[in-house]
Structures are given as C-alpha cells and as structure tokens.
Amino acid sequence: MSVPRTGEEGPGKPGGPRKRGRPARTDADGGPGARERILAAARTEFAERGYDKASIRAMARGANVDPALVHHYFGPKEQIFAAAVEVALAPALEGPDAVLKGGPDTAGERMTRFFLGIWEAPDTREPLLAIVRSAVANETAAAVFRNLVTSRLMFRIAGELDVAEPELRAELAAAQLIGVVMLRYVIKVEPLASAGLEQLVAQVAPVVQRHLAGA
C-alpha cells in the first residue's frame, strides 16, 4: 500500500484533483448568477416531482452548485418554494393595480380577463400548475401559497374596495376564479376545458363583479 509523500495532494485533500462528476465552482459563492440558477432548478424540481419529493440536493445538481449554497441563499425547502411561487406568480401580483385602475364598476371584468389570461399563456400556466398541484397535496406548500396570494394579491385588491367586508369580498372573487382554473386547467372538465376565453369572461365576470362591488 503506497503512502502519499509529505506535501503530496491526494483526492481527498485540499487542492487535490477534483473528483469526477463534481460540478466546477468558479468562486466561493457558486459563480455569477448562482441564485438565479438555483431558483430555476427549484422551479423545475417542484414542477416535476411536487413539493414532497423535491429535494435540495437535486436542486443543487440542477444549478451546478453545492447543496450548502442552496441553504445559504434560501434556507429550508419551504422558503425555496415560497421564492419559486413568487416568481411564478409575478405576473399575477402585478394585477391589482391594473384591475382597479379603471374604477370599481368594471373591476370584475378586468380581474377575470387578467387572471384567466395568465393561465391561457403556456409560459405562465405550466409553473402555476406545478405550484397548485404542490399546494393541493401538501399543507406546508398550501400555507406558503395561501400566505402569498392573500398578502400580496387579495389584500391589495381589498384595500382599494370602498365596500363593507372588503377582504371577504376579495377572497370570494378569488375563490370563483381559482375554482374555474382548477376545473379548466387542472382537472380539465368538459365543456369548461374547451370553452373560449371570451365566453368564460362573459359568464364569470358578472359574478366576480358582484363579489367585489355588488350590493
């Protein structure tokens, strides 16, 4: 059995040859864009495996970083999920300003068109589907999703409504739209799944309007 000479660097020693298959690191913090790569890998992992089966090690492999760096940037898995949800919901989180800009009389139509329009676009629908499926199957994921939707979306809308019980009204409007989304895009119940967007807006918007601003 050969023993390394003094000063000789072996595979397990600092400065030794890099193990086969280990991702290269350009610097101590994972290189340029490490945080963005981790977040993109996390979205893919949650989409493909769901919240329960998603692992930080797999996210690290997808981002070509050490698992410790995932913890450094995001903390535990629920915080990574929260960051992934926020990125996926970014278009929707811009909605309240657009919905309420035209006044309360047509807010239901604008909210319905805006919300369903996000789900009609494939580039936003797929990550949202993955998030909804995780939230349905896991309570931790559901709590993260619920907190973000209420604090960043529904409460902002409620704050602009000059009506009694604005938070309840905003949540009822959201329930109406999320119910349509679940049946149309997740469960794919016909004929709802095949109905045109304009037909849906015409049918759903008056109900959303009543929730938001009706007597």
Protein backbone atom coordinates (compact mmCIF):
# COMPACT_ATOMS: atom_id res chain seq x y z
CA MET A 1 0.00 0.00 0.00
CA SER A 2 1.58 3.29 -1.11
CA VAL A 3 1.53 6.26 1.25
CA PRO A 4 1.49 9.79 -0.19
CA ARG A 5 4.79 11.62 0.33
CA THR A 6 4.88 14.68 2.52
CA GLY A 7 3.17 17.56 0.72
CA GLU A 8 1.61 15.24 -1.85
CA GLU A 9 -2.05 16.07 -2.51
CA GLY A 10 -4.46 13.18 -2.68
CA PRO A 11 -8.06 13.09 -3.96
CA GLY A 12 -9.50 13.82 -0.53
CA LYS A 13 -7.05 16.60 0.41
CA PRO A 14 -7.39 20.35 -0.17
CA GLY A 15 -6.03 21.30 -3.52
CA GLY A 16 -6.16 17.73 -4.77
CA PRO A 17 -7.62 16.72 -8.13
CA ARG A 18 -11.36 17.35 -8.43
CA LYS A 19 -13.49 14.23 -8.09
CA ARG A 20 -15.07 13.01 -11.29
CA GLY A 21 -18.61 14.29 -11.73
CA ARG A 22 -18.31 17.10 -9.18
CA PRO A 23 -19.51 20.42 -10.63
CA ALA A 24 -16.88 23.08 -11.08
CA ARG A 25 -17.19 26.16 -8.90
CA THR A 26 -15.92 29.45 -10.26
CA ASP A 27 -15.77 31.08 -6.83
CA ALA A 28 -16.89 30.68 -3.24
CA ASP A 29 -20.49 31.72 -3.87
CA GLY A 30 -21.20 29.49 -6.86
CA GLY A 31 -20.27 31.89 -9.62
CA PRO A 32 -22.24 34.55 -11.45
CA GLY A 33 -25.99 34.01 -11.45
CA ALA A 34 -25.88 31.23 -8.84
CA ARG A 35 -29.03 32.43 -7.08
CA GLU A 36 -30.98 32.61 -10.34
CA ARG A 37 -29.76 29.16 -11.39
CA ILE A 38 -30.83 27.69 -8.05
CA LEU A 39 -34.27 29.27 -8.34
CA ALA A 40 -34.72 27.99 -11.90
CA ALA A 41 -33.64 24.50 -10.83
CA ALA A 42 -36.02 24.64 -7.86
CA ARG A 43 -38.96 25.54 -10.10
CA THR A 44 -38.12 22.60 -12.35
CA GLU A 45 -37.76 20.25 -9.39
CA PHE A 46 -41.10 21.30 -7.85
CA ALA A 47 -42.79 21.06 -11.24
CA GLU A 48 -41.51 17.56 -11.98
CA ARG A 49 -41.61 15.97 -8.51
CA GLY A 50 -44.01 18.05 -6.42
CA TYR A 51 -43.26 19.58 -3.03
CA ASP A 52 -42.94 16.36 -1.03
CA LYS A 53 -40.48 14.62 -3.34
CA ALA A 54 -38.47 17.67 -4.35
CA SER A 55 -35.00 17.64 -2.80
CA ILE A 56 -32.42 20.34 -2.17
CA ARG A 57 -29.69 18.04 -3.47
CA ALA A 58 -31.49 17.71 -6.81
CA MET A 59 -31.91 21.49 -6.98
CA ALA A 60 -28.20 21.90 -6.31
CA ARG A 61 -27.34 19.44 -9.09
CA GLY A 62 -29.62 21.27 -11.48
CA ALA A 63 -27.97 24.59 -10.62
CA ASN A 64 -24.44 23.13 -10.64
CA VAL A 65 -23.73 24.27 -7.07
CA ASP A 66 -23.10 22.72 -3.68
CA PRO A 67 -26.26 21.94 -1.63
CA ALA A 68 -24.94 24.19 1.15
CA LEU A 69 -25.23 27.13 -1.22
CA VAL A 70 -28.95 26.44 -1.68
CA HIS A 71 -29.39 26.73 2.09
CA HIS A 72 -27.23 29.85 2.13
CA TYR A 73 -29.43 31.70 -0.35
CA PHE A 74 -32.88 30.37 0.54
CA GLY A 75 -32.86 28.45 3.82
CA PRO A 76 -35.15 25.39 4.20
CA LYS A 77 -37.30 23.90 1.46
CA GLU A 78 -40.45 25.89 2.27
CA GLN A 79 -38.54 29.14 1.74
CA ILE A 80 -37.25 27.94 -1.61
CA PHE A 81 -40.82 27.03 -2.52
CA ALA A 82 -42.01 30.49 -1.46
CA ALA A 83 -39.41 32.12 -3.71
CA ALA A 84 -40.42 29.87 -6.61
CA VAL A 85 -44.10 30.69 -6.05
CA GLU A 86 -43.38 34.41 -6.04
CA VAL A 87 -41.52 34.18 -9.34
CA ALA A 88 -44.32 32.14 -10.92
CA LEU A 89 -46.97 34.50 -9.57
CA ALA A 90 -45.09 37.65 -10.59
CA PRO A 91 -47.48 38.43 -13.49
CA ALA A 92 -50.50 37.94 -11.24
CA LEU A 93 -49.00 40.09 -8.49
CA GLU A 94 -48.96 42.98 -10.93
CA GLY A 95 -52.70 42.54 -11.43
CA PRO A 96 -54.32 44.59 -8.64
CA ASP A 97 -53.11 47.92 -9.98
CA ALA A 98 -54.32 47.10 -13.48
CA VAL A 99 -57.62 45.70 -12.23
CA LEU A 100 -58.55 48.71 -10.12
CA LYS A 101 -57.18 51.44 -12.35
CA GLY A 102 -60.42 51.76 -14.31
CA GLY A 103 -62.69 52.11 -11.28
CA PRO A 104 -64.90 49.67 -9.37
CA ASP A 105 -67.72 49.42 -11.92
CA THR A 106 -65.73 47.25 -14.33
CA ALA A 107 -63.24 45.68 -11.90
CA GLY A 108 -64.86 42.23 -12.19
CA GLU A 109 -64.40 42.06 -15.95
CA ARG A 110 -60.80 43.29 -15.79
CA MET A 111 -59.87 40.94 -12.95
CA THR A 112 -61.43 37.94 -14.70
CA ARG A 113 -59.75 38.70 -18.02
CA PHE A 114 -56.39 39.38 -16.38
CA PHE A 115 -56.43 36.27 -14.15
CA LEU A 116 -57.59 33.82 -16.81
CA GLY A 117 -55.24 35.41 -19.35
CA ILE A 118 -52.27 34.40 -17.20
CA TRP A 119 -53.44 30.79 -17.26
CA GLU A 120 -54.03 30.88 -21.02
CA ALA A 121 -50.35 31.66 -21.69
CA PRO A 122 -48.27 28.42 -21.73
CA ASP A 123 -45.13 30.07 -20.29
CA THR A 124 -47.01 31.12 -17.14
CA ARG A 125 -49.53 28.26 -17.00
CA GLU A 126 -47.01 25.42 -16.54
CA PRO A 127 -45.21 26.78 -13.45
CA LEU A 128 -48.54 27.80 -11.94
CA LEU A 129 -49.93 24.30 -12.48
CA ALA A 130 -46.93 22.81 -10.69
CA ILE A 131 -47.42 25.16 -7.75
CA VAL A 132 -51.15 24.49 -7.47
CA ARG A 133 -50.59 20.72 -7.55
CA SER A 134 -47.99 21.00 -4.77
CA ALA A 135 -50.30 23.22 -2.71
CA VAL A 136 -53.17 20.75 -3.05
CA ALA A 137 -51.05 17.80 -1.97
CA ASN A 138 -49.00 19.31 0.88
CA GLU A 139 -50.11 21.53 3.76
CA THR A 140 -46.76 23.31 4.05
CA ALA A 141 -46.85 24.19 0.37
CA ALA A 142 -50.51 25.20 0.73
CA ALA A 143 -49.67 27.56 3.61
CA VAL A 144 -46.89 29.22 1.62
CA PHE A 145 -49.14 29.61 -1.42
CA ARG A 146 -52.07 30.85 0.66
CA ASN A 147 -50.00 33.45 2.50
CA LEU A 148 -48.55 34.86 -0.71
CA VAL A 149 -51.89 35.01 -2.51
CA THR A 150 -53.67 36.68 0.39
CA SER A 151 -50.94 39.11 1.45
CA ARG A 152 -49.67 40.11 -1.99
CA LEU A 153 -52.78 39.82 -4.15
CA MET A 154 -56.13 39.68 -2.37
CA PHE A 155 -55.38 42.16 0.42
CA ARG A 156 -54.08 44.68 -2.11
CA ILE A 157 -57.34 44.46 -4.02
CA ALA A 158 -59.38 44.58 -0.82
CA GLY A 159 -57.55 47.73 0.27
CA GLU A 160 -58.90 49.60 -2.74
CA LEU A 161 -62.53 48.50 -2.38
CA ASP A 162 -64.83 51.04 -0.81
CA VAL A 163 -67.34 48.43 0.39
CA ALA A 164 -68.22 46.53 3.54
CA GLU A 165 -66.08 43.43 4.31
CA PRO A 166 -63.56 44.08 1.52
CA GLU A 167 -61.25 41.18 2.45
CA LEU A 168 -64.09 38.67 2.35
CA ARG A 169 -65.24 40.08 -0.99
CA ALA A 170 -61.76 39.86 -2.49
CA GLU A 171 -61.37 36.27 -1.30
CA LEU A 172 -64.78 35.28 -2.69
CA ALA A 173 -63.77 36.72 -6.06
CA ALA A 174 -60.51 34.78 -5.90
CA ALA A 175 -62.38 31.59 -4.96
CA GLN A 176 -64.60 32.00 -8.02
CA LEU A 177 -61.63 32.38 -10.33
CA ILE A 178 -59.50 29.67 -8.73
CA GLY A 179 -62.45 27.27 -8.96
CA VAL A 180 -62.66 27.93 -12.69
CA VAL A 181 -58.91 27.45 -13.01
CA MET A 182 -58.98 24.11 -11.15
CA LEU A 183 -61.79 22.69 -13.29
CA ARG A 184 -60.48 24.08 -16.59
CA TYR A 185 -56.71 23.64 -16.38
CA VAL A 186 -56.05 21.05 -13.64
CA ILE A 187 -59.00 18.63 -13.69
CA LYS A 188 -59.93 19.55 -17.30
CA VAL A 189 -63.69 19.12 -17.00
CA GLU A 190 -65.56 19.47 -20.31
CA PRO A 191 -67.03 21.58 -21.77
CA LEU A 192 -65.34 24.13 -19.48
CA ALA A 193 -61.87 22.98 -20.51
CA SER A 194 -62.59 23.67 -24.19
CA ALA A 195 -64.62 26.87 -23.84
CA GLY A 196 -63.22 30.02 -25.40
CA LEU A 197 -61.69 32.71 -23.22
CA GLU A 198 -64.23 35.33 -24.24
CA GLN A 199 -67.11 33.01 -23.40
CA LEU A 200 -65.63 32.40 -19.96
CA VAL A 201 -65.08 36.09 -19.31
CA ALA A 202 -68.68 36.85 -20.29
CA GLN A 203 -70.03 34.18 -17.92
CA VAL A 204 -67.70 34.61 -14.96
CA ALA A 205 -67.02 38.36 -14.85
CA PRO A 206 -70.51 39.38 -13.62
CA VAL A 207 -70.17 37.01 -10.64
CA VAL A 208 -66.70 38.36 -9.81
CA GLN A 209 -68.03 41.90 -10.15
CA ARG A 210 -70.83 41.15 -7.69
CA HIS A 211 -68.31 39.77 -5.18
CA LEU A 212 -66.07 42.81 -5.48
CA ALA A 213 -68.52 45.66 -5.63
CA GLY A 214 -72.12 44.43 -5.58
CA ALA A 215 -74.71 45.44 -3.01
